[in-house]
Amino acid sequence: MQTPETNSAAGFSGGEIEIEKMVYGGDGLARAEGRVVFTPFVLPGERVRVSVTDRKTQHVRAAAEEILSLSPLRVAAPCPHFTECGGCHYQHAGHETQVAWKLGILKETLQRVGKIQPPDSIAIITGPAFGYRNRAQFHLDGRNVGYHEEGSRRVQAIAQCDILSPKLQQVLAKLRTMMRDRRWPSFLRTPEVFTNETDVQLNVLQATQPIAKRFFGWCAEELPVLAQSSLLYPAAGLTFRVSHDAFFQVNRFLIDPLVDAALAGAEGTRALDLYSGVGLFSLPLARRMAHVTAVENGKAAWHDLQFNAQQAGVTVEALQTSAEDFLAATQGPWDFVLADPPRAGLGKKVVTRLLALQPRLLTIVSCDPATLARDLAAFVPAYTIEHMALVDLFPQTYHLETIVRLRRAG
């Protein structure tokens, strides 16, 4: 039997709502006529007139037409493109308010999804709220450079982006000028830029035709850039080579604090770093522990990992394979395991195998609270949560990073 909350043909069709709270994804949640209503760019406590934009089986999405009662927490967004481009979700609130939302969302998700009681104390690691991004993907439509508009594939032209680092701000301005030159390839759709604030790496992620080498030569003269080459990035007291298709953290202010927090409490002689990338955690770990094995499935990142370990003068056993395949074959023992999985989380196979291997300490670096809650639920009660930290790697957005250190019980 269907209820008003599950019957997609019934219920709310637009009007006034009162926002109860913020939820993961950047929306405010309200309830009206038996339906859950999600609305972006609002604040808890605000009364809002909305129109329905999408009706799902379990909920309704709506757009704010008028804020009838403003929250005292609302601030003027510094970016003129806010609400138009799809990059930021929280510029209408101060940074402290954003972090408080994220902490509440993390706790609620752990309880709702994982049935886990959050620790009494969760550490908060923050940095500057703007100018933090060292990597950006721009979208082009032949005339404009910018980001996709909220909820569409249309390109919202931008003259500035306040979350970009100063160097990437310069690159954005230069790209806008270069697009007016006849040498600009109109079929280029998505360039990506990455910087250490001295050098700039340019990657082409999407183009409808092959890009000629002379274009990259022109970019090297104008920007200048390291066109589709590796970039050397200083972090954690080391230097990391990052190839054009290898992952690296995007918040230039919080890379070192992230490493320190992830490796805090690591002890013993044998360590395992799963989803290791170019070695951001493996190399500092190799300075603390006698034997470190790093597992990375991506070919480019694996090559970078080997190069970086050699340049740093540390010994790391670097293996190119998936975490699932490695864990299926290894017998351990491992004193400390660090896992920094993609948004999908560890998954059942990895969790099951880690439980069988029983490392003394296990640290998870997670970019999604729901998959983190699911994974943690499988580890408890065999493991206890010794420490948890929320790392605000992505200010002005709903994204959050969580570090959890687990200790084997008994």
Protein backbone atom coordinates (compact mmCIF):
# COMPACT_ATOMS: atom_id res chain seq x y z
CA MET A 1 0.00 0.00 0.00
CA GLN A 2 1.40 3.40 -0.99
CA THR A 3 1.53 6.32 1.39
CA PRO A 4 1.61 10.03 0.47
CA GLU A 5 5.40 9.98 0.92
CA THR A 6 5.91 7.19 -1.61
CA ASN A 7 3.17 7.99 -4.10
CA SER A 8 4.86 10.11 -6.80
CA ALA A 9 1.51 11.33 -8.14
CA ALA A 10 0.41 12.83 -4.82
CA GLY A 11 1.49 15.67 -2.60
CA PHE A 12 3.41 18.89 -2.91
CA SER A 13 3.28 20.88 -6.15
CA GLY A 14 4.90 24.13 -5.01
CA GLY A 15 4.32 26.94 -2.54
CA GLU A 16 5.71 27.90 0.85
CA ILE A 17 8.03 25.65 2.84
CA GLU A 18 10.21 26.02 5.94
CA ILE A 19 13.74 24.63 5.76
CA GLU A 20 14.54 22.19 8.58
CA LYS A 21 18.19 21.38 7.98
CA MET A 22 20.97 21.02 5.40
CA VAL A 23 21.64 17.58 3.91
CA TYR A 24 24.53 16.00 2.05
CA GLY A 25 24.43 17.24 -1.52
CA GLY A 26 24.07 20.93 -0.62
CA ASP A 27 20.28 21.17 -0.36
CA GLY A 28 18.01 22.30 2.42
CA LEU A 29 15.36 19.80 3.51
CA ALA A 30 11.72 20.65 4.16
CA ARG A 31 8.51 18.66 4.47
CA ALA A 32 5.26 19.65 2.82
CA GLU A 33 2.02 17.80 2.16
CA GLY A 34 3.55 14.44 3.02
CA ARG A 35 6.59 14.92 0.80
CA VAL A 36 10.26 15.58 1.46
CA VAL A 37 11.35 18.67 -0.49
CA PHE A 38 14.98 19.43 -1.35
CA THR A 39 15.90 23.02 -2.28
CA PRO A 40 19.38 24.43 -3.01
CA PHE A 41 20.79 27.80 -1.83
CA VAL A 42 18.59 28.10 1.25
CA LEU A 43 19.32 28.05 4.99
CA PRO A 44 17.75 26.25 7.97
CA GLY A 45 14.91 28.24 9.50
CA GLU A 46 14.15 30.18 6.32
CA ARG A 47 10.63 30.27 4.93
CA VAL A 48 10.80 30.00 1.17
CA ARG A 49 8.40 30.10 -1.76
CA VAL A 50 9.45 27.37 -4.19
CA SER A 51 8.47 25.83 -7.49
CA VAL A 52 8.89 22.12 -8.16
CA THR A 53 11.64 21.30 -10.67
CA ASP A 54 11.72 17.50 -10.40
CA ARG A 55 9.48 14.93 -8.76
CA LYS A 56 11.03 11.63 -7.71
CA THR A 57 9.47 8.57 -6.12
CA GLN A 58 10.70 9.43 -2.64
CA HIS A 59 11.15 13.19 -2.77
CA VAL A 60 10.64 16.45 -4.63
CA ARG A 61 13.30 18.86 -5.86
CA ALA A 62 12.39 22.53 -5.91
CA ALA A 63 13.89 25.92 -6.73
CA ALA A 64 13.63 28.92 -4.44
CA GLU A 65 11.61 31.72 -6.04
CA GLU A 66 11.54 34.02 -3.01
CA ILE A 67 13.05 33.94 0.47
CA LEU A 68 10.14 35.05 2.67
CA SER A 69 12.10 35.09 5.95
CA LEU A 70 15.89 35.37 5.94
CA SER A 71 18.10 33.43 8.32
CA PRO A 72 20.49 35.57 10.39
CA LEU A 73 23.22 33.22 9.16
CA ARG A 74 22.77 34.27 5.53
CA VAL A 75 25.65 36.27 4.03
CA ALA A 76 26.19 37.93 0.67
CA ALA A 77 27.93 35.51 -1.68
CA PRO A 78 31.23 37.04 -2.88
CA CYS A 79 31.04 35.41 -6.31
CA PRO A 80 28.71 36.95 -8.92
CA HIS A 81 28.24 33.51 -10.50
CA PHE A 82 27.02 31.79 -7.34
CA THR A 83 23.77 29.81 -7.90
CA GLU A 84 24.39 29.94 -11.66
CA CYS A 85 27.49 27.79 -12.08
CA GLY A 86 27.46 24.34 -10.52
CA GLY A 87 30.71 24.65 -8.58
CA CYS A 88 29.74 26.03 -5.16
CA HIS A 89 26.79 25.27 -2.89
CA TYR A 90 27.41 27.19 0.34
CA GLN A 91 28.63 30.71 -0.46
CA HIS A 92 25.46 32.14 1.12
CA ALA A 93 26.77 31.07 4.56
CA GLY A 94 29.95 31.84 6.48
CA HIS A 95 32.73 29.29 6.66
CA GLU A 96 32.15 28.40 10.31
CA THR A 97 28.49 27.75 9.54
CA GLN A 98 29.44 25.52 6.61
CA VAL A 99 31.76 23.44 8.79
CA ALA A 100 29.06 23.10 11.45
CA TRP A 101 26.66 21.80 8.79
CA LYS A 102 29.21 19.28 7.58
CA LEU A 103 29.88 18.04 11.09
CA GLY A 104 26.16 17.57 11.68
CA ILE A 105 25.73 15.78 8.35
CA LEU A 106 28.66 13.46 9.14
CA LYS A 107 27.23 12.52 12.54
CA GLU A 108 23.72 12.03 11.19
CA THR A 109 24.99 9.84 8.32
CA LEU A 110 27.03 7.63 10.65
CA GLN A 111 23.94 7.08 12.78
CA ARG A 112 21.40 6.66 9.97
CA VAL A 113 23.43 4.59 7.49
CA GLY A 114 25.91 2.79 9.73
CA LYS A 115 23.93 2.67 13.00
CA ILE A 116 27.16 3.96 14.57
CA GLN A 117 27.31 6.34 17.49
CA PRO A 118 29.78 9.09 16.51
CA PRO A 119 32.68 9.80 18.88
CA ASP A 120 32.03 12.44 21.52
CA SER A 121 34.86 14.48 20.01
CA ILE A 122 35.52 14.82 16.27
CA ALA A 123 38.56 16.91 15.36
CA ILE A 124 38.03 19.69 12.81
CA ILE A 125 40.77 20.57 10.32
CA THR A 126 40.17 23.69 8.24
CA GLY A 127 42.09 26.19 6.14
CA PRO A 128 41.37 29.34 4.13
CA ALA A 129 37.87 29.33 2.66
CA PHE A 130 38.88 30.75 -0.73
CA GLY A 131 41.82 30.52 -3.11
CA TYR A 132 42.49 26.90 -2.21
CA ARG A 133 42.05 24.86 -5.40
CA ASN A 134 45.20 23.83 -7.23
CA ARG A 135 43.31 21.95 -9.96
CA ALA A 136 40.31 22.89 -12.09
CA GLN A 137 38.38 21.61 -15.07
CA PHE A 138 36.95 24.27 -17.35
CA HIS A 139 34.21 23.71 -19.92
CA LEU A 140 34.10 25.49 -23.27
CA ASP A 141 31.38 25.90 -25.87
CA GLY A 142 33.50 27.55 -28.56
CA ARG A 143 32.83 31.08 -27.24
CA ASN A 144 32.83 30.88 -23.45
CA VAL A 145 35.05 29.35 -20.80
CA GLY A 146 33.57 28.48 -17.43
CA TYR A 147 31.67 25.76 -15.61
CA HIS A 148 28.47 23.90 -16.33
CA GLU A 149 25.38 25.66 -15.03
CA GLU A 150 23.68 24.14 -12.02
CA GLY A 151 21.75 21.07 -13.17
CA SER A 152 22.61 21.38 -16.88
CA ARG A 153 25.37 20.97 -19.47
CA ARG A 154 25.25 24.60 -20.54
CA VAL A 155 28.45 26.54 -20.05
CA GLN A 156 28.25 29.43 -17.61
CA ALA A 157 30.95 31.89 -18.64
CA ILE A 158 33.04 33.11 -15.71
CA ALA A 159 35.49 35.97 -15.40
CA GLN A 160 36.77 34.84 -12.02
CA CYS A 161 36.48 31.94 -9.59
CA ASP A 162 37.21 32.78 -5.98
CA ILE A 163 38.03 29.23 -4.88
CA LEU A 164 40.88 28.94 -7.42
CA SER A 165 44.47 29.57 -6.39
CA PRO A 166 46.04 32.84 -7.59
CA LYS A 167 47.95 31.01 -10.32
CA LEU A 168 44.81 29.37 -11.68
CA GLN A 169 43.02 32.72 -11.58
CA GLN A 170 45.75 34.00 -13.91
CA VAL A 171 45.35 30.96 -16.16
CA LEU A 172 41.58 31.50 -16.38
CA ALA A 173 42.08 35.13 -17.42
CA LYS A 174 44.64 34.09 -20.02
CA LEU A 175 42.40 31.39 -21.46
CA ARG A 176 39.62 33.93 -21.91
CA THR A 177 42.00 36.08 -23.95
CA MET A 178 43.42 33.17 -25.96
CA MET A 179 39.95 32.01 -26.98
CA ARG A 180 39.56 35.16 -29.05
CA ASP A 181 42.68 34.30 -31.07
CA ARG A 182 42.26 32.52 -34.42
CA ARG A 183 44.77 29.87 -33.27
CA TRP A 184 42.37 28.67 -30.58
CA PRO A 185 40.86 25.24 -31.48
CA SER A 186 37.08 25.70 -31.36
CA PHE A 187 36.63 21.96 -30.89
CA LEU A 188 38.37 21.94 -27.49
CA ARG A 189 35.69 21.23 -24.90
CA THR A 190 37.27 20.46 -21.50
CA PRO A 191 40.78 21.50 -20.50
CA GLU A 192 42.13 20.77 -17.04
CA VAL A 193 44.81 22.82 -15.31
CA PHE A 194 46.89 21.87 -12.27
CA THR A 195 49.47 24.03 -10.54
CA ASN A 196 52.05 24.17 -7.77
CA GLU A 197 51.75 28.00 -7.95
CA THR A 198 54.90 28.15 -10.08
CA ASP A 199 54.32 25.74 -12.96
CA VAL A 200 51.03 24.89 -14.65
CA GLN A 201 50.11 21.54 -16.16
CA LEU A 202 47.54 21.62 -18.99
CA ASN A 203 45.58 18.49 -19.86
CA VAL A 204 42.91 18.06 -22.53
CA LEU A 205 40.10 15.91 -21.15
CA GLN A 206 37.64 16.34 -24.01
CA ALA A 207 37.86 17.55 -27.61
CA THR A 208 35.82 16.64 -30.67
CA GLN A 209 38.99 16.50 -32.80
CA PRO A 210 42.64 15.75 -32.02
CA ILE A 211 44.57 18.73 -30.65
CA ALA A 212 47.66 19.65 -32.69
CA LYS A 213 51.04 19.82 -30.93
CA ARG A 214 51.44 23.44 -32.00
CA PHE A 215 48.55 24.36 -29.71
CA PHE A 216 50.48 23.12 -26.69
CA GLY A 217 53.55 24.96 -27.92
CA TRP A 218 51.49 28.16 -28.08
CA CYS A 219 50.16 27.52 -24.57
CA ALA A 220 53.71 26.99 -23.30
CA GLU A 221 54.59 30.43 -24.63
CA GLU A 222 51.47 32.22 -23.38
CA LEU A 223 50.76 30.74 -19.97
CA PRO A 224 53.46 29.16 -19.64
CA VAL A 225 52.42 25.56 -19.06
CA LEU A 226 53.80 22.06 -18.94
CA ALA A 227 51.52 20.70 -21.64
CA GLN A 228 50.43 17.16 -20.82
CA SER A 229 53.62 16.62 -18.82
CA SER A 230 54.30 15.79 -15.20
CA LEU A 231 54.40 18.47 -12.54
CA LEU A 232 56.55 18.47 -9.40
CA TYR A 233 54.51 19.29 -6.31
CA PRO A 234 56.14 20.00 -2.91
CA ALA A 235 54.17 18.58 0.02
CA ALA A 236 54.76 16.92 3.40
CA GLY A 237 58.45 17.83 3.26
CA LEU A 238 58.89 15.93 -0.02
CA THR A 239 58.45 16.52 -3.75
CA PHE A 240 55.95 14.46 -5.72
CA ARG A 241 55.91 13.99 -9.46
CA VAL A 242 52.28 14.05 -10.63
CA SER A 243 51.58 12.95 -14.20
CA HIS A 244 48.70 14.39 -16.20
CA ASP A 245 46.30 11.52 -15.45
CA ALA A 246 47.33 10.86 -11.84
CA PHE A 247 45.30 11.98 -8.82
CA PHE A 248 46.57 14.52 -6.28
CA GLN A 249 44.81 16.43 -3.50
CA VAL A 250 43.30 19.73 -4.68
CA ASN A 251 43.37 21.88 -1.52
CA ARG A 252 46.83 23.44 -1.50
CA PHE A 253 46.49 24.63 2.11
CA LEU A 254 45.48 21.31 3.70
CA ILE A 255 47.70 18.69 2.04
CA ASP A 256 50.24 18.68 4.87
CA PRO A 257 47.61 18.69 7.67
CA LEU A 258 45.78 15.87 5.85
CA VAL A 259 48.96 13.74 5.76
CA ASP A 260 49.75 14.47 9.40
CA ALA A 261 46.24 13.53 10.52
CA ALA A 262 46.12 10.35 8.39
CA LEU A 263 49.44 9.05 9.70
CA ALA A 264 48.94 10.07 13.33
CA GLY A 265 49.20 7.08 15.63
CA ALA A 266 50.82 4.81 13.03
CA GLU A 267 52.99 2.27 14.82
CA GLY A 268 54.81 -0.99 14.23
CA THR A 269 57.17 -2.08 11.47
CA ARG A 270 54.95 -3.22 8.56
CA ALA A 271 52.56 -0.80 6.86
CA LEU A 272 50.20 -1.11 3.92
CA ASP A 273 48.92 1.84 1.87
CA LEU A 274 45.91 0.95 -0.29
CA TYR A 275 44.87 3.20 -3.20
CA SER A 276 48.23 4.90 -2.73
CA GLY A 277 48.27 7.20 -5.78
CA VAL A 278 51.63 8.91 -6.31
CA GLY A 279 52.71 8.18 -2.72
CA LEU A 280 51.39 11.13 -0.73
CA PHE A 281 50.97 8.89 2.34
CA SER A 282 53.40 6.08 1.43
CA LEU A 283 56.54 8.19 1.32
CA PRO A 284 56.11 9.94 4.71
CA LEU A 285 55.08 6.57 6.14
CA ALA A 286 58.31 4.99 4.84
CA ARG A 287 60.25 7.49 6.95
CA ARG A 288 58.54 6.12 10.08
CA MET A 289 58.23 2.38 9.47
CA ALA A 290 60.68 -0.26 8.30
CA HIS A 291 58.54 -1.88 5.60
CA VAL A 292 55.87 -0.10 3.53
CA THR A 293 53.87 -1.68 0.71
CA ALA A 294 51.91 0.68 -1.55
CA VAL A 295 49.13 -0.63 -3.80
CA GLU A 296 47.98 1.45 -6.77
CA ASN A 297 45.98 0.26 -9.77
CA GLY A 298 46.56 3.25 -12.08
CA LYS A 299 49.59 2.91 -14.33
CA ALA A 300 50.59 6.58 -14.41
CA ALA A 301 50.26 7.03 -10.65
CA TRP A 302 52.18 3.78 -10.05
CA HIS A 303 55.08 5.00 -12.20
CA ASP A 304 55.02 8.32 -10.31
CA LEU A 305 55.00 6.43 -7.00
CA GLN A 306 58.14 4.50 -7.93
CA PHE A 307 59.89 7.66 -9.15
CA ASN A 308 58.91 9.64 -6.07
CA ALA A 309 60.13 6.97 -3.66
CA GLN A 310 63.48 6.79 -5.44
CA GLN A 311 63.87 10.57 -5.45
CA ALA A 312 62.98 10.74 -1.75
CA GLY A 313 65.50 8.07 -0.87
CA VAL A 314 62.95 5.85 0.85
CA THR A 315 62.13 2.19 0.30
CA VAL A 316 58.56 1.45 -0.73
CA GLU A 317 57.33 -1.79 -2.27
CA ALA A 318 55.15 -0.37 -5.06
CA LEU A 319 52.67 -2.79 -6.62
CA GLN A 320 50.41 -2.08 -9.59
CA THR A 321 47.25 -4.00 -8.83
CA SER A 322 43.81 -3.48 -7.36
CA ALA A 323 43.25 -3.44 -3.62
CA GLU A 324 40.89 -6.40 -3.97
CA ASP A 325 43.43 -8.56 -5.83
CA PHE A 326 46.29 -7.66 -3.51
CA LEU A 327 44.33 -8.40 -0.35
CA ALA A 328 43.10 -11.70 -1.76
CA ALA A 329 46.72 -12.85 -2.10
CA THR A 330 48.50 -11.36 0.90
CA GLN A 331 48.79 -13.08 4.24
CA GLY A 332 50.26 -10.15 6.13
CA PRO A 333 50.77 -9.57 8.97
CA TRP A 334 50.24 -5.79 8.89
CA ASP A 335 50.69 -3.51 11.85
CA PHE A 336 49.15 -0.47 10.16
CA VAL A 337 46.90 -0.19 7.12
CA LEU A 338 45.92 3.10 5.50
CA ALA A 339 43.16 3.12 2.88
CA ASP A 340 42.18 6.17 0.81
CA PRO A 341 39.48 4.69 -1.46
CA PRO A 342 37.45 6.46 -4.16
CA ARG A 343 33.95 7.76 -3.46
CA ALA A 344 32.51 4.22 -3.69
CA GLY A 345 34.37 3.33 -0.50
CA LEU A 346 36.15 0.10 0.39
CA GLY A 347 33.34 -2.27 -0.50
CA LYS A 348 32.45 -5.68 0.87
CA LYS A 349 35.41 -7.65 -0.56
CA VAL A 350 38.06 -5.28 0.80
CA VAL A 351 36.36 -4.96 4.19
CA THR A 352 35.96 -8.73 4.52
CA ARG A 353 39.59 -9.37 3.69
CA LEU A 354 40.86 -6.66 6.05
CA LEU A 355 38.80 -8.17 8.85
CA ALA A 356 40.44 -11.51 8.13
CA LEU A 357 43.95 -10.00 8.13
CA GLN A 358 43.30 -8.19 11.43
CA PRO A 359 45.80 -5.32 11.27
CA ARG A 360 46.33 -3.70 14.66
CA LEU A 361 45.55 -0.23 13.32
CA LEU A 362 43.48 0.78 10.31
CA THR A 363 43.02 4.35 9.09
CA ILE A 364 40.39 5.19 6.47
CA VAL A 365 40.50 8.46 4.53
CA SER A 366 37.01 8.87 3.09
CA CYS A 367 35.48 11.42 0.72
CA ASP A 368 31.88 10.20 1.13
CA PRO A 369 30.14 9.94 4.53
CA ALA A 370 27.55 7.38 3.38
CA THR A 371 30.05 4.82 2.07
CA LEU A 372 32.24 5.50 5.11
CA ALA A 373 29.32 4.73 7.42
CA ARG A 374 28.60 1.51 5.53
CA ASP A 375 32.24 0.38 5.75
CA LEU A 376 32.61 1.31 9.42
CA ALA A 377 29.49 -0.65 10.32
CA ALA A 378 31.24 -3.79 9.07
CA PHE A 379 34.36 -3.16 11.18
CA VAL A 380 32.56 -2.54 14.47
CA PRO A 381 32.74 -4.24 17.02
CA ALA A 382 35.90 -6.07 15.87
CA TYR A 383 37.47 -2.60 15.79
CA THR A 384 36.88 0.45 17.92
CA ILE A 385 36.96 4.02 16.65
CA GLU A 386 40.03 5.55 18.28
CA HIS A 387 39.98 8.92 16.51
CA MET A 388 37.92 10.76 13.90
CA ALA A 389 38.61 14.03 12.09
CA LEU A 390 36.58 16.06 9.61
CA VAL A 391 38.85 17.74 7.05
CA ASP A 392 37.20 20.60 5.18
CA LEU A 393 39.06 20.11 1.90
CA PHE A 394 36.34 21.73 -0.20
CA PRO A 395 35.04 24.96 1.36
CA GLN A 396 31.96 26.54 -0.29
CA THR A 397 30.83 23.06 -1.39
CA TYR A 398 28.99 20.23 0.36
CA HIS A 399 31.94 17.84 -0.02
CA LEU A 400 33.81 16.72 3.07
CA GLU A 401 36.72 14.43 3.92
CA THR A 402 36.82 12.22 7.00
CA ILE A 403 39.75 10.45 8.63
CA VAL A 404 38.96 7.55 10.95
CA ARG A 405 41.55 5.60 12.93
CA LEU A 406 40.37 2.15 14.05
CA ARG A 407 42.12 -0.08 16.59
CA ARG A 408 41.59 -3.83 16.74
CA ALA A 409 39.55 -4.71 19.80
CA GLY A 410 40.92 -7.05 22.43
